[in-house]
Amino acid sequence: MKWVTLILVTLFFLLQYRLWFGKNSIPDYVAINQQVVEQQEYIASLKQRNSLLIADVNDLKIGVEAMKERARNEL
């Protein structure tokens, strides 16, 4: 009976070690989640930039007045 208990306790600690310090452990999971959040924020900023560029392209397609305004702003 003591051997079974010893084996089970040893297995428990080995699994806990893998959970906290092994490959794909909890700290790795937290770090990857942080990277996902950062990437989502970056994508959101790129989407906003793209929408501004699309609006600018549409303005340029509409007429010469927008081109003149853009030239004035850039100079």
PDB file of N, CA and C in Angstrom:
ATOM      1  N   MET A   1       0.823  -1.196   0.000  1.00  0.00           N
ATOM      2  CA  MET A   1       0.000   0.000   0.000  1.00  0.00           C
ATOM      3  C   MET A   1       0.868   1.261   0.000  1.00  0.00           C
ATOM      4  N   LYS A   2       1.999   1.197   0.711  1.00  0.00           N
ATOM      5  CA  LYS A   2       2.890   2.349   0.756  1.00  0.00           C
ATOM      6  C   LYS A   2       3.491   2.628  -0.610  1.00  0.00           C
ATOM      7  N   TRP A   3       3.759   1.580  -1.378  1.00  0.00           N
ATOM      8  CA  TRP A   3       4.345   1.764  -2.711  1.00  0.00           C
ATOM      9  C   TRP A   3       3.369   2.465  -3.653  1.00  0.00           C
ATOM     10  N   VAL A   4       2.126   2.088  -3.561  1.00  0.00           N
ATOM     11  CA  VAL A   4       1.112   2.707  -4.426  1.00  0.00           C
ATOM     12  C   VAL A   4       0.983   4.188  -4.087  1.00  0.00           C
ATOM     13  N   THR A   5       0.948   4.500  -2.809  1.00  0.00           N
ATOM     14  CA  THR A   5       0.852   5.891  -2.381  1.00  0.00           C
ATOM     15  C   THR A   5       2.077   6.678  -2.842  1.00  0.00           C
ATOM     16  N   LEU A   6       3.255   6.114  -2.705  1.00  0.00           N
ATOM     17  CA  LEU A   6       4.488   6.767  -3.120  1.00  0.00           C
ATOM     18  C   LEU A   6       4.500   7.006  -4.631  1.00  0.00           C
ATOM     19  N   ILE A   7       4.056   6.025  -5.393  1.00  0.00           N
ATOM     20  CA  ILE A   7       4.009   6.169  -6.848  1.00  0.00           C
ATOM     21  C   ILE A   7       3.003   7.247  -7.248  1.00  0.00           C
ATOM     22  N   LEU A   8       1.840   7.245  -6.617  1.00  0.00           N
ATOM     23  CA  LEU A   8       0.824   8.245  -6.933  1.00  0.00           C
ATOM     24  C   LEU A   8       1.282   9.655  -6.570  1.00  0.00           C
ATOM     25  N   VAL A   9       1.926   9.826  -5.442  1.00  0.00           N
ATOM     26  CA  VAL A   9       2.434  11.129  -5.036  1.00  0.00           C
ATOM     27  C   VAL A   9       3.528  11.591  -6.000  1.00  0.00           C
ATOM     28  N   THR A  10       4.395  10.679  -6.394  1.00  0.00           N
ATOM     29  CA  THR A  10       5.455  11.010  -7.349  1.00  0.00           C
ATOM     30  C   THR A  10       4.862  11.435  -8.687  1.00  0.00           C
ATOM     31  N   LEU A  11       3.881  10.701  -9.170  1.00  0.00           N
ATOM     32  CA  LEU A  11       3.222  11.073 -10.422  1.00  0.00           C
ATOM     33  C   LEU A  11       2.543  12.428 -10.311  1.00  0.00           C
ATOM     34  N   PHE A  12       1.917  12.671  -9.186  1.00  0.00           N
ATOM     35  CA  PHE A  12       1.263  13.959  -8.971  1.00  0.00           C
ATOM     36  C   PHE A  12       2.277  15.100  -9.069  1.00  0.00           C
ATOM     37  N   PHE A  13       3.421  14.975  -8.424  1.00  0.00           N
ATOM     38  CA  PHE A  13       4.430  16.037  -8.456  1.00  0.00           C
ATOM     39  C   PHE A  13       5.055  16.174  -9.843  1.00  0.00           C
ATOM     40  N   LEU A  14       5.221  15.095 -10.552  1.00  0.00           N
ATOM     41  CA  LEU A  14       5.740  15.180 -11.920  1.00  0.00           C
ATOM     42  C   LEU A  14       4.762  15.917 -12.822  1.00  0.00           C
ATOM     43  N   LEU A  15       3.487  15.627 -12.673  1.00  0.00           N
ATOM     44  CA  LEU A  15       2.484  16.324 -13.474  1.00  0.00           C
ATOM     45  C   LEU A  15       2.410  17.800 -13.103  1.00  0.00           C
ATOM     46  N   GLN A  16       2.531  18.116 -11.835  1.00  0.00           N
ATOM     47  CA  GLN A  16       2.541  19.509 -11.405  1.00  0.00           C
ATOM     48  C   GLN A  16       3.760  20.251 -11.962  1.00  0.00           C
ATOM     49  N   TYR A  17       4.887  19.560 -11.989  1.00  0.00           N
ATOM     50  CA  TYR A  17       6.095  20.174 -12.546  1.00  0.00           C
ATOM     51  C   TYR A  17       5.885  20.512 -14.019  1.00  0.00           C
ATOM     52  N   ARG A  18       5.320  19.559 -14.771  1.00  0.00           N
ATOM     53  CA  ARG A  18       5.063  19.807 -16.190  1.00  0.00           C
ATOM     54  C   ARG A  18       4.060  20.930 -16.384  1.00  0.00           C
ATOM     55  N   LEU A  19       3.078  21.009 -15.497  1.00  0.00           N
ATOM     56  CA  LEU A  19       2.055  22.035 -15.600  1.00  0.00           C
ATOM     57  C   LEU A  19       2.646  23.427 -15.400  1.00  0.00           C
ATOM     58  N   TRP A  20       3.557  23.578 -14.473  1.00  0.00           N
ATOM     59  CA  TRP A  20       4.080  24.904 -14.139  1.00  0.00           C
ATOM     60  C   TRP A  20       5.391  25.245 -14.822  1.00  0.00           C
ATOM     61  N   PHE A  21       6.202  24.247 -15.170  1.00  0.00           N
ATOM     62  CA  PHE A  21       7.532  24.540 -15.700  1.00  0.00           C
ATOM     63  C   PHE A  21       7.843  23.868 -17.036  1.00  0.00           C
ATOM     64  N   GLY A  22       7.044  22.962 -17.500  1.00  0.00           N
ATOM     65  CA  GLY A  22       7.325  22.226 -18.726  1.00  0.00           C
ATOM     66  C   GLY A  22       6.941  22.987 -19.977  1.00  0.00           C
ATOM     67  N   LYS A  23       7.023  22.280 -21.096  1.00  0.00           N
ATOM     68  CA  LYS A  23       6.636  22.862 -22.375  1.00  0.00           C
ATOM     69  C   LYS A  23       5.123  23.074 -22.384  1.00  0.00           C
ATOM     70  N   ASN A  24       4.684  24.215 -22.927  1.00  0.00           N
ATOM     71  CA  ASN A  24       3.265  24.591 -22.955  1.00  0.00           C
ATOM     72  C   ASN A  24       2.675  24.666 -21.546  1.00  0.00           C
ATOM     73  N   SER A  25       3.445  25.228 -20.630  1.00  0.00           N
ATOM     74  CA  SER A  25       2.999  25.347 -19.241  1.00  0.00           C
ATOM     75  C   SER A  25       2.103  26.572 -19.075  1.00  0.00           C
ATOM     76  N   ILE A  26       1.646  26.791 -17.884  1.00  0.00           N
ATOM     77  CA  ILE A  26       0.772  27.925 -17.590  1.00  0.00           C
ATOM     78  C   ILE A  26       1.467  29.261 -17.867  1.00  0.00           C
ATOM     79  N   PRO A  27       2.735  29.458 -17.480  1.00  0.00           N
ATOM     80  CA  PRO A  27       3.396  30.724 -17.839  1.00  0.00           C
ATOM     81  C   PRO A  27       3.493  30.926 -19.362  1.00  0.00           C
ATOM     82  N   ASP A  28       3.709  29.859 -20.115  1.00  0.00           N
ATOM     83  CA  ASP A  28       3.720  29.965 -21.579  1.00  0.00           C
ATOM     84  C   ASP A  28       2.350  30.390 -22.092  1.00  0.00           C
ATOM     85  N   TYR A  29       1.309  29.828 -21.514  1.00  0.00           N
ATOM     86  CA  TYR A  29      -0.058  30.164 -21.902  1.00  0.00           C
ATOM     87  C   TYR A  29      -0.352  31.642 -21.658  1.00  0.00           C
ATOM     88  N   VAL A  30       0.076  32.153 -20.509  1.00  0.00           N
ATOM     89  CA  VAL A  30      -0.149  33.558 -20.167  1.00  0.00           C
ATOM     90  C   VAL A  30       0.613  34.462 -21.137  1.00  0.00           C
ATOM     91  N   ALA A  31       1.849  34.100 -21.460  1.00  0.00           N
ATOM     92  CA  ALA A  31       2.658  34.904 -22.381  1.00  0.00           C
ATOM     93  C   ALA A  31       2.037  34.925 -23.776  1.00  0.00           C
ATOM     94  N   ILE A  32       1.552  33.794 -24.235  1.00  0.00           N
ATOM     95  CA  ILE A  32       0.926  33.723 -25.557  1.00  0.00           C
ATOM     96  C   ILE A  32      -0.361  34.542 -25.572  1.00  0.00           C
ATOM     97  N   ASN A  33      -1.126  34.485 -24.511  1.00  0.00           N
ATOM     98  CA  ASN A  33      -2.344  35.308 -24.443  1.00  0.00           C
ATOM     99  C   ASN A  33      -2.016  36.793 -24.501  1.00  0.00           C
ATOM    100  N   GLN A  34      -0.931  37.208 -23.853  1.00  0.00           N
ATOM    101  CA  GLN A  34      -0.520  38.608 -23.905  1.00  0.00           C
ATOM    102  C   GLN A  34      -0.128  38.991 -25.333  1.00  0.00           C
ATOM    103  N   GLN A  35       0.553  38.101 -26.028  1.00  0.00           N
ATOM    104  CA  GLN A  35       0.916  38.362 -27.424  1.00  0.00           C
ATOM    105  C   GLN A  35      -0.328  38.483 -28.293  1.00  0.00           C
ATOM    106  N   VAL A  36      -1.328  37.674 -28.032  1.00  0.00           N
ATOM    107  CA  VAL A  36      -2.576  37.737 -28.794  1.00  0.00           C
ATOM    108  C   VAL A  36      -3.250  39.088 -28.585  1.00  0.00           C
ATOM    109  N   VAL A  37      -3.285  39.558 -27.351  1.00  0.00           N
ATOM    110  CA  VAL A  37      -3.893  40.862 -27.056  1.00  0.00           C
ATOM    111  C   VAL A  37      -3.148  41.974 -27.787  1.00  0.00           C
ATOM    112  N   GLU A  38      -1.813  41.924 -27.753  1.00  0.00           N
ATOM    113  CA  GLU A  38      -1.015  42.940 -28.447  1.00  0.00           C
ATOM    114  C   GLU A  38      -1.268  42.904 -29.954  1.00  0.00           C
ATOM    115  N   GLN A  39      -1.351  41.710 -30.526  1.00  0.00           N
ATOM    116  CA  GLN A  39      -1.609  41.585 -31.960  1.00  0.00           C
ATOM    117  C   GLN A  39      -3.001  42.099 -32.312  1.00  0.00           C
ATOM    118  N   GLN A  40      -3.982  41.852 -31.460  1.00  0.00           N
ATOM    119  CA  GLN A  40      -5.334  42.340 -31.726  1.00  0.00           C
ATOM    120  C   GLN A  40      -5.375  43.868 -31.697  1.00  0.00           C
ATOM    121  N   GLU A  41      -4.633  44.477 -30.765  1.00  0.00           N
ATOM    122  CA  GLU A  41      -4.572  45.937 -30.719  1.00  0.00           C
ATOM    123  C   GLU A  41      -3.900  46.487 -31.967  1.00  0.00           C
ATOM    124  N   TYR A  42      -2.831  45.837 -32.406  1.00  0.00           N
ATOM    125  CA  TYR A  42      -2.123  46.259 -33.611  1.00  0.00           C
ATOM    126  C   TYR A  42      -3.026  46.136 -34.837  1.00  0.00           C
ATOM    127  N   ILE A  43      -3.759  45.042 -34.925  1.00  0.00           N
ATOM    128  CA  ILE A  43      -4.680  44.835 -36.048  1.00  0.00           C
ATOM    129  C   ILE A  43      -5.772  45.893 -36.046  1.00  0.00           C
ATOM    130  N   ALA A  44      -6.271  46.238 -34.863  1.00  0.00           N
ATOM    131  CA  ALA A  44      -7.302  47.279 -34.768  1.00  0.00           C
ATOM    132  C   ALA A  44      -6.777  48.614 -35.276  1.00  0.00           C
ATOM    133  N   SER A  45      -5.533  48.945 -34.922  1.00  0.00           N
ATOM    134  CA  SER A  45      -4.966  50.206 -35.407  1.00  0.00           C
ATOM    135  C   SER A  45      -4.763  50.169 -36.913  1.00  0.00           C
ATOM    136  N   LEU A  46      -4.363  49.022 -37.448  1.00  0.00           N
ATOM    137  CA  LEU A  46      -4.210  48.894 -38.899  1.00  0.00           C
ATOM    138  C   LEU A  46      -5.554  48.996 -39.616  1.00  0.00           C
ATOM    139  N   LYS A  47      -6.595  48.429 -39.021  1.00  0.00           N
ATOM    140  CA  LYS A  47      -7.924  48.535 -39.628  1.00  0.00           C
ATOM    141  C   LYS A  47      -8.385  49.981 -39.668  1.00  0.00           C
ATOM    142  N   GLN A  48      -8.105  50.717 -38.590  1.00  0.00           N
ATOM    143  CA  GLN A  48      -8.485  52.124 -38.559  1.00  0.00           C
ATOM    144  C   GLN A  48      -7.717  52.899 -39.629  1.00  0.00           C
ATOM    145  N   ARG A  49      -6.428  52.615 -39.745  1.00  0.00           N
ATOM    146  CA  ARG A  49      -5.618  53.279 -40.765  1.00  0.00           C
ATOM    147  C   ARG A  49      -6.123  52.950 -42.165  1.00  0.00           C
ATOM    148  N   ASN A  50      -6.475  51.685 -42.384  1.00  0.00           N
ATOM    149  CA  ASN A  50      -6.993  51.274 -43.689  1.00  0.00           C
ATOM    150  C   ASN A  50      -8.296  51.985 -44.017  1.00  0.00           C
ATOM    151  N   SER A  51      -9.161  52.123 -43.029  1.00  0.00           N
ATOM    152  CA  SER A  51     -10.432  52.802 -43.304  1.00  0.00           C
ATOM    153  C   SER A  51     -10.199  54.273 -43.653  1.00  0.00           C
ATOM    154  N   LEU A  52      -9.226  54.911 -42.993  1.00  0.00           N
ATOM    155  CA  LEU A  52      -8.897  56.292 -43.344  1.00  0.00           C
ATOM    156  C   LEU A  52      -8.328  56.385 -44.763  1.00  0.00           C
ATOM    157  N   LEU A  53      -7.492  55.424 -45.129  1.00  0.00           N
ATOM    158  CA  LEU A  53      -6.936  55.421 -46.483  1.00  0.00           C
ATOM    159  C   LEU A  53      -8.015  55.162 -47.533  1.00  0.00           C
ATOM    160  N   ILE A  54      -8.953  54.291 -47.228  1.00  0.00           N
ATOM    161  CA  ILE A  54     -10.051  54.018 -48.160  1.00  0.00           C
ATOM    162  C   ILE A  54     -10.895  55.270 -48.341  1.00  0.00           C
ATOM    163  N   ALA A  55     -11.167  55.964 -47.245  1.00  0.00           N
ATOM    164  CA  ALA A  55     -11.937  57.208 -47.342  1.00  0.00           C
ATOM    165  C   ALA A  55     -11.176  58.246 -48.167  1.00  0.00           C
ATOM    166  N   ASP A  56      -9.867  58.301 -47.988  1.00  0.00           N
ATOM    167  CA  ASP A  56      -9.050  59.240 -48.749  1.00  0.00           C
ATOM    168  C   ASP A  56      -9.062  58.896 -50.242  1.00  0.00           C
ATOM    169  N   VAL A  57      -8.982  57.619 -50.560  1.00  0.00           N
ATOM    170  CA  VAL A  57      -9.034  57.183 -51.956  1.00  0.00           C
ATOM    171  C   VAL A  57     -10.384  57.535 -52.569  1.00  0.00           C
ATOM    172  N   ASN A  58     -11.439  57.306 -51.819  1.00  0.00           N
ATOM    173  CA  ASN A  58     -12.774  57.650 -52.328  1.00  0.00           C
ATOM    174  C   ASN A  58     -12.900  59.151 -52.570  1.00  0.00           C
ATOM    175  N   ASP A  59     -12.334  59.948 -51.665  1.00  0.00           N
ATOM    176  CA  ASP A  59     -12.343  61.399 -51.865  1.00  0.00           C
ATOM    177  C   ASP A  59     -11.579  61.784 -53.121  1.00  0.00           C
ATOM    178  N   LEU A  60     -10.459  61.124 -53.350  1.00  0.00           N
ATOM    179  CA  LEU A  60      -9.668  61.437 -54.544  1.00  0.00           C
ATOM    180  C   LEU A  60     -10.386  61.015 -55.822  1.00  0.00           C
ATOM    181  N   LYS A  61     -11.148  59.965 -55.740  1.00  0.00           N
ATOM    182  CA  LYS A  61     -11.905  59.518 -56.913  1.00  0.00           C
ATOM    183  C   LYS A  61     -13.046  60.477 -57.231  1.00  0.00           C
ATOM    184  N   ILE A  62     -13.577  61.121 -56.207  1.00  0.00           N
ATOM    185  CA  ILE A  62     -14.745  61.977 -56.397  1.00  0.00           C
ATOM    186  C   ILE A  62     -14.396  63.218 -57.203  1.00  0.00           C
ATOM    187  N   GLY A  63     -13.325  63.866 -56.894  1.00  0.00           N
ATOM    188  CA  GLY A  63     -13.084  65.070 -57.661  1.00  0.00           C
ATOM    189  C   GLY A  63     -11.725  65.685 -57.468  1.00  0.00           C
ATOM    190  N   VAL A  64     -11.527  66.733 -58.217  1.00  0.00           N
ATOM    191  CA  VAL A  64     -10.267  67.457 -58.220  1.00  0.00           C
ATOM    192  C   VAL A  64     -10.128  68.284 -56.954  1.00  0.00           C
ATOM    193  N   GLU A  65     -11.238  68.705 -56.398  1.00  0.00           N
ATOM    194  CA  GLU A  65     -11.215  69.545 -55.199  1.00  0.00           C
ATOM    195  C   GLU A  65     -10.476  68.834 -54.061  1.00  0.00           C
ATOM    196  N   ALA A  66     -10.699  67.546 -53.911  1.00  0.00           N
ATOM    197  CA  ALA A  66     -10.023  66.784 -52.862  1.00  0.00           C
ATOM    198  C   ALA A  66      -8.527  66.718 -53.144  1.00  0.00           C
ATOM    199  N   MET A  67      -8.139  66.593 -54.406  1.00  0.00           N
ATOM    200  CA  MET A  67      -6.713  66.585 -54.751  1.00  0.00           C
ATOM    201  C   MET A  67      -6.045  67.904 -54.398  1.00  0.00           C
ATOM    202  N   LYS A  68      -6.750  68.992 -54.680  1.00  0.00           N
ATOM    203  CA  LYS A  68      -6.198  70.308 -54.341  1.00  0.00           C
ATOM    204  C   LYS A  68      -6.040  70.452 -52.833  1.00  0.00           C
ATOM    205  N   GLU A  69      -7.053  69.975 -52.091  1.00  0.00           N
ATOM    206  CA  GLU A  69      -6.991  70.064 -50.642  1.00  0.00           C
ATOM    207  C   GLU A  69      -5.845  69.223 -50.093  1.00  0.00           C
ATOM    208  N   ARG A  70      -5.674  68.033 -50.623  1.00  0.00           N
ATOM    209  CA  ARG A  70      -4.589  67.162 -50.180  1.00  0.00           C
ATOM    210  C   ARG A  70      -3.223  67.779 -50.492  1.00  0.00           C
ATOM    211  N   ALA A  71      -3.086  68.372 -51.674  1.00  0.00           N
ATOM    212  CA  ALA A  71      -1.835  69.031 -52.046  1.00  0.00           C
ATOM    213  C   ALA A  71      -1.533  70.187 -51.091  1.00  0.00           C
ATOM    214  N   ARG A  72      -2.559  70.943 -50.729  1.00  0.00           N
ATOM    215  CA  ARG A  72      -2.366  72.055 -49.796  1.00  0.00           C
ATOM    216  C   ARG A  72      -1.932  71.533 -48.425  1.00  0.00           C
ATOM    217  N   ASN A  73      -2.537  70.450 -47.984  1.00  0.00           N
ATOM    218  CA  ASN A  73      -2.217  69.897 -46.672  1.00  0.00           C
ATOM    219  C   ASN A  73      -0.800  69.327 -46.637  1.00  0.00           C
ATOM    220  N   GLU A  74      -0.366  68.708 -47.736  1.00  0.00           N
ATOM    221  CA  GLU A  74       0.951  68.112 -47.765  1.00  0.00           C
ATOM    222  C   GLU A  74       2.048  69.163 -47.884  1.00  0.00           C
ATOM    223  N   LEU A  75       1.736  70.287 -48.474  1.00  0.00           N
ATOM    224  CA  LEU A  75       2.744  71.350 -48.617  1.00  0.00           C
ATOM    225  C   LEU A  75       2.638  72.252 -47.417  1.00  0.00           C
TER     226      LEU A  75
END
